[in-house]
Amino acid sequence: MIVTLNQKKLRDRRREKALTQEKLAERSGLSDRYIRSLENETAQPSAAVLYRISRALEVPMDDLMTTGVRQYDER
């Protein structure tokens, strides 16, 4: 199983809380540039960073994640 950040969920939760990218960055101790890269799908956060963002947004971590199953070719 693969667990990754869902960029749309991140953006939606941030907007629901009426936060700018800059304010979310300040609350989470990250740079606004990094928050932008997460929302624009150019970066994937570590579990620790995802935790910091979820705490800043006051939502459970799994509310920001997408889970999927990747199938491997066993040839």
PDB file of N, CA and C in Angstrom:
ATOM      1  N   MET A   1       0.838  -1.168   0.000  1.00  0.00           N
ATOM      2  CA  MET A   1       0.000   0.000   0.000  1.00  0.00           C
ATOM      3  C   MET A   1       0.886   1.235   0.000  1.00  0.00           C
ATOM      4  N   ILE A   2       0.457   2.230  -0.726  1.00  0.00           N
ATOM      5  CA  ILE A   2       1.202   3.480  -0.835  1.00  0.00           C
ATOM      6  C   ILE A   2       0.366   4.590  -0.215  1.00  0.00           C
ATOM      7  N   VAL A   3       0.974   5.380   0.632  1.00  0.00           N
ATOM      8  CA  VAL A   3       0.290   6.503   1.263  1.00  0.00           C
ATOM      9  C   VAL A   3       1.012   7.771   0.833  1.00  0.00           C
ATOM     10  N   THR A   4       0.260   8.696   0.264  1.00  0.00           N
ATOM     11  CA  THR A   4       0.855   9.955  -0.191  1.00  0.00           C
ATOM     12  C   THR A   4      -0.059  11.120   0.155  1.00  0.00           C
ATOM     13  N   LEU A   5       0.504  12.294   0.109  1.00  0.00           N
ATOM     14  CA  LEU A   5      -0.259  13.513   0.327  1.00  0.00           C
ATOM     15  C   LEU A   5      -1.222  13.710  -0.833  1.00  0.00           C
ATOM     16  N   ASN A   6      -2.442  14.066  -0.533  1.00  0.00           N
ATOM     17  CA  ASN A   6      -3.413  14.439  -1.556  1.00  0.00           C
ATOM     18  C   ASN A   6      -3.393  15.968  -1.626  1.00  0.00           C
ATOM     19  N   GLN A   7      -2.824  16.496  -2.690  1.00  0.00           N
ATOM     20  CA  GLN A   7      -2.622  17.936  -2.822  1.00  0.00           C
ATOM     21  C   GLN A   7      -3.937  18.706  -2.798  1.00  0.00           C
ATOM     22  N   LYS A   8      -4.962  18.153  -3.440  1.00  0.00           N
ATOM     23  CA  LYS A   8      -6.265  18.828  -3.451  1.00  0.00           C
ATOM     24  C   LYS A   8      -6.835  18.917  -2.039  1.00  0.00           C
ATOM     25  N   LYS A   9      -6.712  17.851  -1.268  1.00  0.00           N
ATOM     26  CA  LYS A   9      -7.202  17.874   0.112  1.00  0.00           C
ATOM     27  C   LYS A   9      -6.442  18.907   0.935  1.00  0.00           C
ATOM     28  N   LEU A  10      -5.144  18.985   0.740  1.00  0.00           N
ATOM     29  CA  LEU A  10      -4.341  19.975   1.454  1.00  0.00           C
ATOM     30  C   LEU A  10      -4.845  21.380   1.140  1.00  0.00           C
ATOM     31  N   ARG A  11      -4.992  21.686  -0.132  1.00  0.00           N
ATOM     32  CA  ARG A  11      -5.454  23.013  -0.547  1.00  0.00           C
ATOM     33  C   ARG A  11      -6.862  23.295   0.001  1.00  0.00           C
ATOM     34  N   ASP A  12      -7.752  22.302  -0.124  1.00  0.00           N
ATOM     35  CA  ASP A  12      -9.120  22.492   0.357  1.00  0.00           C
ATOM     36  C   ASP A  12      -9.170  22.745   1.860  1.00  0.00           C
ATOM     37  N   ARG A  13      -8.423  21.963   2.646  1.00  0.00           N
ATOM     38  CA  ARG A  13      -8.425  22.149   4.102  1.00  0.00           C
ATOM     39  C   ARG A  13      -7.832  23.500   4.481  1.00  0.00           C
ATOM     40  N   ARG A  14      -6.784  23.899   3.787  1.00  0.00           N
ATOM     41  CA  ARG A  14      -6.161  25.207   4.062  1.00  0.00           C
ATOM     42  C   ARG A  14      -7.164  26.321   3.792  1.00  0.00           C
ATOM     43  N   ARG A  15      -7.870  26.225   2.683  1.00  0.00           N
ATOM     44  CA  ARG A  15      -8.854  27.257   2.340  1.00  0.00           C
ATOM     45  C   ARG A  15     -10.047  27.240   3.295  1.00  0.00           C
ATOM     46  N   GLU A  16     -10.475  26.051   3.717  1.00  0.00           N
ATOM     47  CA  GLU A  16     -11.570  25.948   4.684  1.00  0.00           C
ATOM     48  C   GLU A  16     -11.237  26.661   5.985  1.00  0.00           C
ATOM     49  N   LYS A  17      -9.957  26.645   6.336  1.00  0.00           N
ATOM     50  CA  LYS A  17      -9.503  27.312   7.559  1.00  0.00           C
ATOM     51  C   LYS A  17      -9.163  28.777   7.304  1.00  0.00           C
ATOM     52  N   ALA A  18      -9.401  29.238   6.077  1.00  0.00           N
ATOM     53  CA  ALA A  18      -9.136  30.621   5.673  1.00  0.00           C
ATOM     54  C   ALA A  18      -7.674  31.011   5.901  1.00  0.00           C
ATOM     55  N   LEU A  19      -6.772  30.087   5.564  1.00  0.00           N
ATOM     56  CA  LEU A  19      -5.343  30.335   5.710  1.00  0.00           C
ATOM     57  C   LEU A  19      -4.696  30.559   4.345  1.00  0.00           C
ATOM     58  N   THR A  20      -3.779  31.489   4.300  1.00  0.00           N
ATOM     59  CA  THR A  20      -2.947  31.627   3.107  1.00  0.00           C
ATOM     60  C   THR A  20      -1.839  30.571   3.192  1.00  0.00           C
ATOM     61  N   GLN A  21      -1.144  30.368   2.100  1.00  0.00           N
ATOM     62  CA  GLN A  21       0.004  29.466   2.121  1.00  0.00           C
ATOM     63  C   GLN A  21       1.047  29.983   3.102  1.00  0.00           C
ATOM     64  N   GLU A  22       1.192  31.288   3.159  1.00  0.00           N
ATOM     65  CA  GLU A  22       2.167  31.892   4.053  1.00  0.00           C
ATOM     66  C   GLU A  22       1.811  31.642   5.521  1.00  0.00           C
ATOM     67  N   LYS A  23       0.523  31.769   5.858  1.00  0.00           N
ATOM     68  CA  LYS A  23       0.097  31.559   7.241  1.00  0.00           C
ATOM     69  C   LYS A  23       0.236  30.089   7.634  1.00  0.00           C
ATOM     70  N   LEU A  24      -0.099  29.166   6.709  1.00  0.00           N
ATOM     71  CA  LEU A  24       0.081  27.746   6.991  1.00  0.00           C
ATOM     72  C   LEU A  24       1.563  27.438   7.183  1.00  0.00           C
ATOM     73  N   ALA A  25       2.404  28.032   6.371  1.00  0.00           N
ATOM     74  CA  ALA A  25       3.845  27.833   6.502  1.00  0.00           C
ATOM     75  C   ALA A  25       4.321  28.301   7.879  1.00  0.00           C
ATOM     76  N   GLU A  26       3.857  29.453   8.292  1.00  0.00           N
ATOM     77  CA  GLU A  26       4.239  29.998   9.598  1.00  0.00           C
ATOM     78  C   GLU A  26       3.774  29.067  10.733  1.00  0.00           C
ATOM     79  N   ARG A  27       2.544  28.612  10.653  1.00  0.00           N
ATOM     80  CA  ARG A  27       1.997  27.732  11.699  1.00  0.00           C
ATOM     81  C   ARG A  27       2.707  26.380  11.776  1.00  0.00           C
ATOM     82  N   SER A  28       3.156  25.890  10.619  1.00  0.00           N
ATOM     83  CA  SER A  28       3.775  24.564  10.579  1.00  0.00           C
ATOM     84  C   SER A  28       5.295  24.610  10.677  1.00  0.00           C
ATOM     85  N   GLY A  29       5.865  25.807  10.637  1.00  0.00           N
ATOM     86  CA  GLY A  29       7.310  25.938  10.712  1.00  0.00           C
ATOM     87  C   GLY A  29       8.014  25.573   9.411  1.00  0.00           C
ATOM     88  N   LEU A  30       7.276  25.676   8.314  1.00  0.00           N
ATOM     89  CA  LEU A  30       7.827  25.369   6.988  1.00  0.00           C
ATOM     90  C   LEU A  30       7.864  26.649   6.169  1.00  0.00           C
ATOM     91  N   SER A  31       8.491  26.589   5.015  1.00  0.00           N
ATOM     92  CA  SER A  31       8.524  27.772   4.158  1.00  0.00           C
ATOM     93  C   SER A  31       7.272  27.809   3.284  1.00  0.00           C
ATOM     94  N   ASP A  32       6.854  29.027   2.923  1.00  0.00           N
ATOM     95  CA  ASP A  32       5.700  29.141   2.030  1.00  0.00           C
ATOM     96  C   ASP A  32       6.013  28.546   0.660  1.00  0.00           C
ATOM     97  N   ARG A  33       7.256  28.592   0.280  1.00  0.00           N
ATOM     98  CA  ARG A  33       7.661  27.987  -1.003  1.00  0.00           C
ATOM     99  C   ARG A  33       7.438  26.468  -0.970  1.00  0.00           C
ATOM    100  N   TYR A  34       7.748  25.842   0.157  1.00  0.00           N
ATOM    101  CA  TYR A  34       7.548  24.405   0.296  1.00  0.00           C
ATOM    102  C   TYR A  34       6.059  24.056   0.292  1.00  0.00           C
ATOM    103  N   ILE A  35       5.243  24.851   0.973  1.00  0.00           N
ATOM    104  CA  ILE A  35       3.791  24.632   0.961  1.00  0.00           C
ATOM    105  C   ILE A  35       3.276  24.732  -0.469  1.00  0.00           C
ATOM    106  N   ARG A  36       3.737  25.722  -1.212  1.00  0.00           N
ATOM    107  CA  ARG A  36       3.350  25.864  -2.622  1.00  0.00           C
ATOM    108  C   ARG A  36       3.745  24.633  -3.425  1.00  0.00           C
ATOM    109  N   SER A  37       4.955  24.132  -3.206  1.00  0.00           N
ATOM    110  CA  SER A  37       5.414  22.963  -3.969  1.00  0.00           C
ATOM    111  C   SER A  37       4.583  21.722  -3.628  1.00  0.00           C
ATOM    112  N   LEU A  38       4.122  21.619  -2.394  1.00  0.00           N
ATOM    113  CA  LEU A  38       3.247  20.508  -2.030  1.00  0.00           C
ATOM    114  C   LEU A  38       1.902  20.621  -2.742  1.00  0.00           C
ATOM    115  N   GLU A  39       1.350  21.809  -2.743  1.00  0.00           N
ATOM    116  CA  GLU A  39       0.052  22.010  -3.397  1.00  0.00           C
ATOM    117  C   GLU A  39       0.142  21.895  -4.911  1.00  0.00           C
ATOM    118  N   ASN A  40       1.304  22.173  -5.465  1.00  0.00           N
ATOM    119  CA  ASN A  40       1.488  22.081  -6.917  1.00  0.00           C
ATOM    120  C   ASN A  40       2.020  20.730  -7.362  1.00  0.00           C
ATOM    121  N   GLU A  41       2.079  19.777  -6.434  1.00  0.00           N
ATOM    122  CA  GLU A  41       2.479  18.402  -6.723  1.00  0.00           C
ATOM    123  C   GLU A  41       3.925  18.260  -7.190  1.00  0.00           C
ATOM    124  N   THR A  42       4.791  19.158  -6.747  1.00  0.00           N
ATOM    125  CA  THR A  42       6.200  19.032  -7.115  1.00  0.00           C
ATOM    126  C   THR A  42       7.039  18.484  -5.969  1.00  0.00           C
ATOM    127  N   ALA A  43       6.367  18.177  -4.838  1.00  0.00           N
ATOM    128  CA  ALA A  43       7.074  17.606  -3.686  1.00  0.00           C
ATOM    129  C   ALA A  43       6.122  16.681  -2.937  1.00  0.00           C
ATOM    130  N   GLN A  44       6.684  15.724  -2.228  1.00  0.00           N
ATOM    131  CA  GLN A  44       5.949  14.841  -1.322  1.00  0.00           C
ATOM    132  C   GLN A  44       6.593  14.971   0.053  1.00  0.00           C
ATOM    133  N   PRO A  45       5.793  15.220   1.077  1.00  0.00           N
ATOM    134  CA  PRO A  45       6.367  15.422   2.409  1.00  0.00           C
ATOM    135  C   PRO A  45       6.711  14.111   3.095  1.00  0.00           C
ATOM    136  N   SER A  46       7.622  14.184   4.032  1.00  0.00           N
ATOM    137  CA  SER A  46       7.892  13.051   4.913  1.00  0.00           C
ATOM    138  C   SER A  46       6.716  12.931   5.877  1.00  0.00           C
ATOM    139  N   ALA A  47       6.665  11.842   6.612  1.00  0.00           N
ATOM    140  CA  ALA A  47       5.609  11.660   7.611  1.00  0.00           C
ATOM    141  C   ALA A  47       5.681  12.755   8.674  1.00  0.00           C
ATOM    142  N   ALA A  48       6.880  13.150   9.054  1.00  0.00           N
ATOM    143  CA  ALA A  48       7.045  14.194  10.067  1.00  0.00           C
ATOM    144  C   ALA A  48       6.487  15.535   9.580  1.00  0.00           C
ATOM    145  N   VAL A  49       6.728  15.856   8.330  1.00  0.00           N
ATOM    146  CA  VAL A  49       6.223  17.109   7.766  1.00  0.00           C
ATOM    147  C   VAL A  49       4.703  17.040   7.629  1.00  0.00           C
ATOM    148  N   LEU A  50       4.195  15.909   7.192  1.00  0.00           N
ATOM    149  CA  LEU A  50       2.751  15.741   7.080  1.00  0.00           C
ATOM    150  C   LEU A  50       2.089  15.925   8.448  1.00  0.00           C
ATOM    151  N   TYR A  51       2.734  15.416   9.478  1.00  0.00           N
ATOM    152  CA  TYR A  51       2.232  15.581  10.840  1.00  0.00           C
ATOM    153  C   TYR A  51       2.191  17.069  11.222  1.00  0.00           C
ATOM    154  N   ARG A  52       3.251  17.790  10.930  1.00  0.00           N
ATOM    155  CA  ARG A  52       3.304  19.217  11.258  1.00  0.00           C
ATOM    156  C   ARG A  52       2.205  19.994  10.544  1.00  0.00           C
ATOM    157  N   ILE A  53       1.967  19.654   9.285  1.00  0.00           N
ATOM    158  CA  ILE A  53       0.921  20.331   8.516  1.00  0.00           C
ATOM    159  C   ILE A  53      -0.458  19.994   9.080  1.00  0.00           C
ATOM    160  N   SER A  54      -0.686  18.730   9.402  1.00  0.00           N
ATOM    161  CA  SER A  54      -1.991  18.337   9.938  1.00  0.00           C
ATOM    162  C   SER A  54      -2.256  19.029  11.279  1.00  0.00           C
ATOM    163  N   ARG A  55      -1.222  19.164  12.100  1.00  0.00           N
ATOM    164  CA  ARG A  55      -1.378  19.871  13.380  1.00  0.00           C
ATOM    165  C   ARG A  55      -1.693  21.352  13.140  1.00  0.00           C
ATOM    166  N   ALA A  56      -1.024  21.954  12.172  1.00  0.00           N
ATOM    167  CA  ALA A  56      -1.265  23.366  11.873  1.00  0.00           C
ATOM    168  C   ALA A  56      -2.686  23.590  11.344  1.00  0.00           C
ATOM    169  N   LEU A  57      -3.210  22.603  10.608  1.00  0.00           N
ATOM    170  CA  LEU A  57      -4.563  22.702  10.067  1.00  0.00           C
ATOM    171  C   LEU A  57      -5.624  22.176  11.036  1.00  0.00           C
ATOM    172  N   GLU A  58      -5.158  21.545  12.119  1.00  0.00           N
ATOM    173  CA  GLU A  58      -6.059  20.947  13.108  1.00  0.00           C
ATOM    174  C   GLU A  58      -6.973  19.897  12.486  1.00  0.00           C
ATOM    175  N   VAL A  59      -6.373  19.023  11.675  1.00  0.00           N
ATOM    176  CA  VAL A  59      -7.088  17.894  11.060  1.00  0.00           C
ATOM    177  C   VAL A  59      -6.249  16.636  11.261  1.00  0.00           C
ATOM    178  N   PRO A  60      -6.872  15.462  11.227  1.00  0.00           N
ATOM    179  CA  PRO A  60      -6.098  14.220  11.313  1.00  0.00           C
ATOM    180  C   PRO A  60      -5.201  14.070  10.080  1.00  0.00           C
ATOM    181  N   MET A  61      -4.061  13.437  10.256  1.00  0.00           N
ATOM    182  CA  MET A  61      -3.147  13.228   9.124  1.00  0.00           C
ATOM    183  C   MET A  61      -3.833  12.524   7.964  1.00  0.00           C
ATOM    184  N   ASP A  62      -4.653  11.513   8.281  1.00  0.00           N
ATOM    185  CA  ASP A  62      -5.262  10.748   7.189  1.00  0.00           C
ATOM    186  C   ASP A  62      -6.259  11.570   6.387  1.00  0.00           C
ATOM    187  N   ASP A  63      -6.659  12.725   6.899  1.00  0.00           N
ATOM    188  CA  ASP A  63      -7.542  13.615   6.146  1.00  0.00           C
ATOM    189  C   ASP A  63      -6.803  14.278   4.984  1.00  0.00           C
ATOM    190  N   LEU A  64      -5.485  14.223   5.005  1.00  0.00           N
ATOM    191  CA  LEU A  64      -4.676  14.845   3.945  1.00  0.00           C
ATOM    192  C   LEU A  64      -4.029  13.822   3.018  1.00  0.00           C
ATOM    193  N   MET A  65      -4.359  12.554   3.230  1.00  0.00           N
ATOM    194  CA  MET A  65      -3.645  11.496   2.513  1.00  0.00           C
ATOM    195  C   MET A  65      -4.527  10.747   1.523  1.00  0.00           C
ATOM    196  N   THR A  66      -3.860  10.151   0.559  1.00  0.00           N
ATOM    197  CA  THR A  66      -4.478   9.253  -0.395  1.00  0.00           C
ATOM    198  C   THR A  66      -3.795   7.909  -0.236  1.00  0.00           C
ATOM    199  N   THR A  67      -4.560   6.862  -0.222  1.00  0.00           N
ATOM    200  CA  THR A  67      -3.972   5.524  -0.145  1.00  0.00           C
ATOM    201  C   THR A  67      -4.300   4.784  -1.423  1.00  0.00           C
ATOM    202  N   GLY A  68      -3.389   3.958  -1.819  1.00  0.00           N
ATOM    203  CA  GLY A  68      -3.599   3.155  -3.010  1.00  0.00           C
ATOM    204  C   GLY A  68      -2.760   1.900  -2.948  1.00  0.00           C
ATOM    205  N   VAL A  69      -3.074   1.019  -3.817  1.00  0.00           N
ATOM    206  CA  VAL A  69      -2.318  -0.236  -3.909  1.00  0.00           C
ATOM    207  C   VAL A  69      -1.657  -0.261  -5.258  1.00  0.00           C
ATOM    208  N   ARG A  70      -0.375  -0.470  -5.255  1.00  0.00           N
ATOM    209  CA  ARG A  70       0.376  -0.540  -6.511  1.00  0.00           C
ATOM    210  C   ARG A  70       0.602  -2.003  -6.835  1.00  0.00           C
ATOM    211  N   GLN A  71       0.359  -2.347  -8.058  1.00  0.00           N
ATOM    212  CA  GLN A  71       0.569  -3.720  -8.490  1.00  0.00           C
ATOM    213  C   GLN A  71       1.936  -3.799  -9.158  1.00  0.00           C
ATOM    214  N   TYR A  72       2.650  -4.840  -8.851  1.00  0.00           N
ATOM    215  CA  TYR A  72       3.978  -5.035  -9.416  1.00  0.00           C
ATOM    216  C   TYR A  72       3.953  -6.159 -10.426  1.00  0.00           C
ATOM    217  N   ASP A  73       4.727  -5.985 -11.449  1.00  0.00           N
ATOM    218  CA  ASP A  73       4.900  -7.027 -12.458  1.00  0.00           C
ATOM    219  C   ASP A  73       5.913  -8.015 -11.911  1.00  0.00           C
ATOM    220  N   GLU A  74       5.496  -9.249 -11.722  1.00  0.00           N
ATOM    221  CA  GLU A  74       6.364 -10.255 -11.114  1.00  0.00           C
ATOM    222  C   GLU A  74       7.066 -11.126 -12.152  1.00  0.00           C
ATOM    223  N   ARG A  75       7.326 -10.603 -13.305  1.00  0.00           N
ATOM    224  CA  ARG A  75       8.023 -11.410 -14.334  1.00  0.00           C
ATOM    225  C   ARG A  75       9.431 -11.691 -13.963  1.00  0.00           C
TER     226      ARG A  75
END
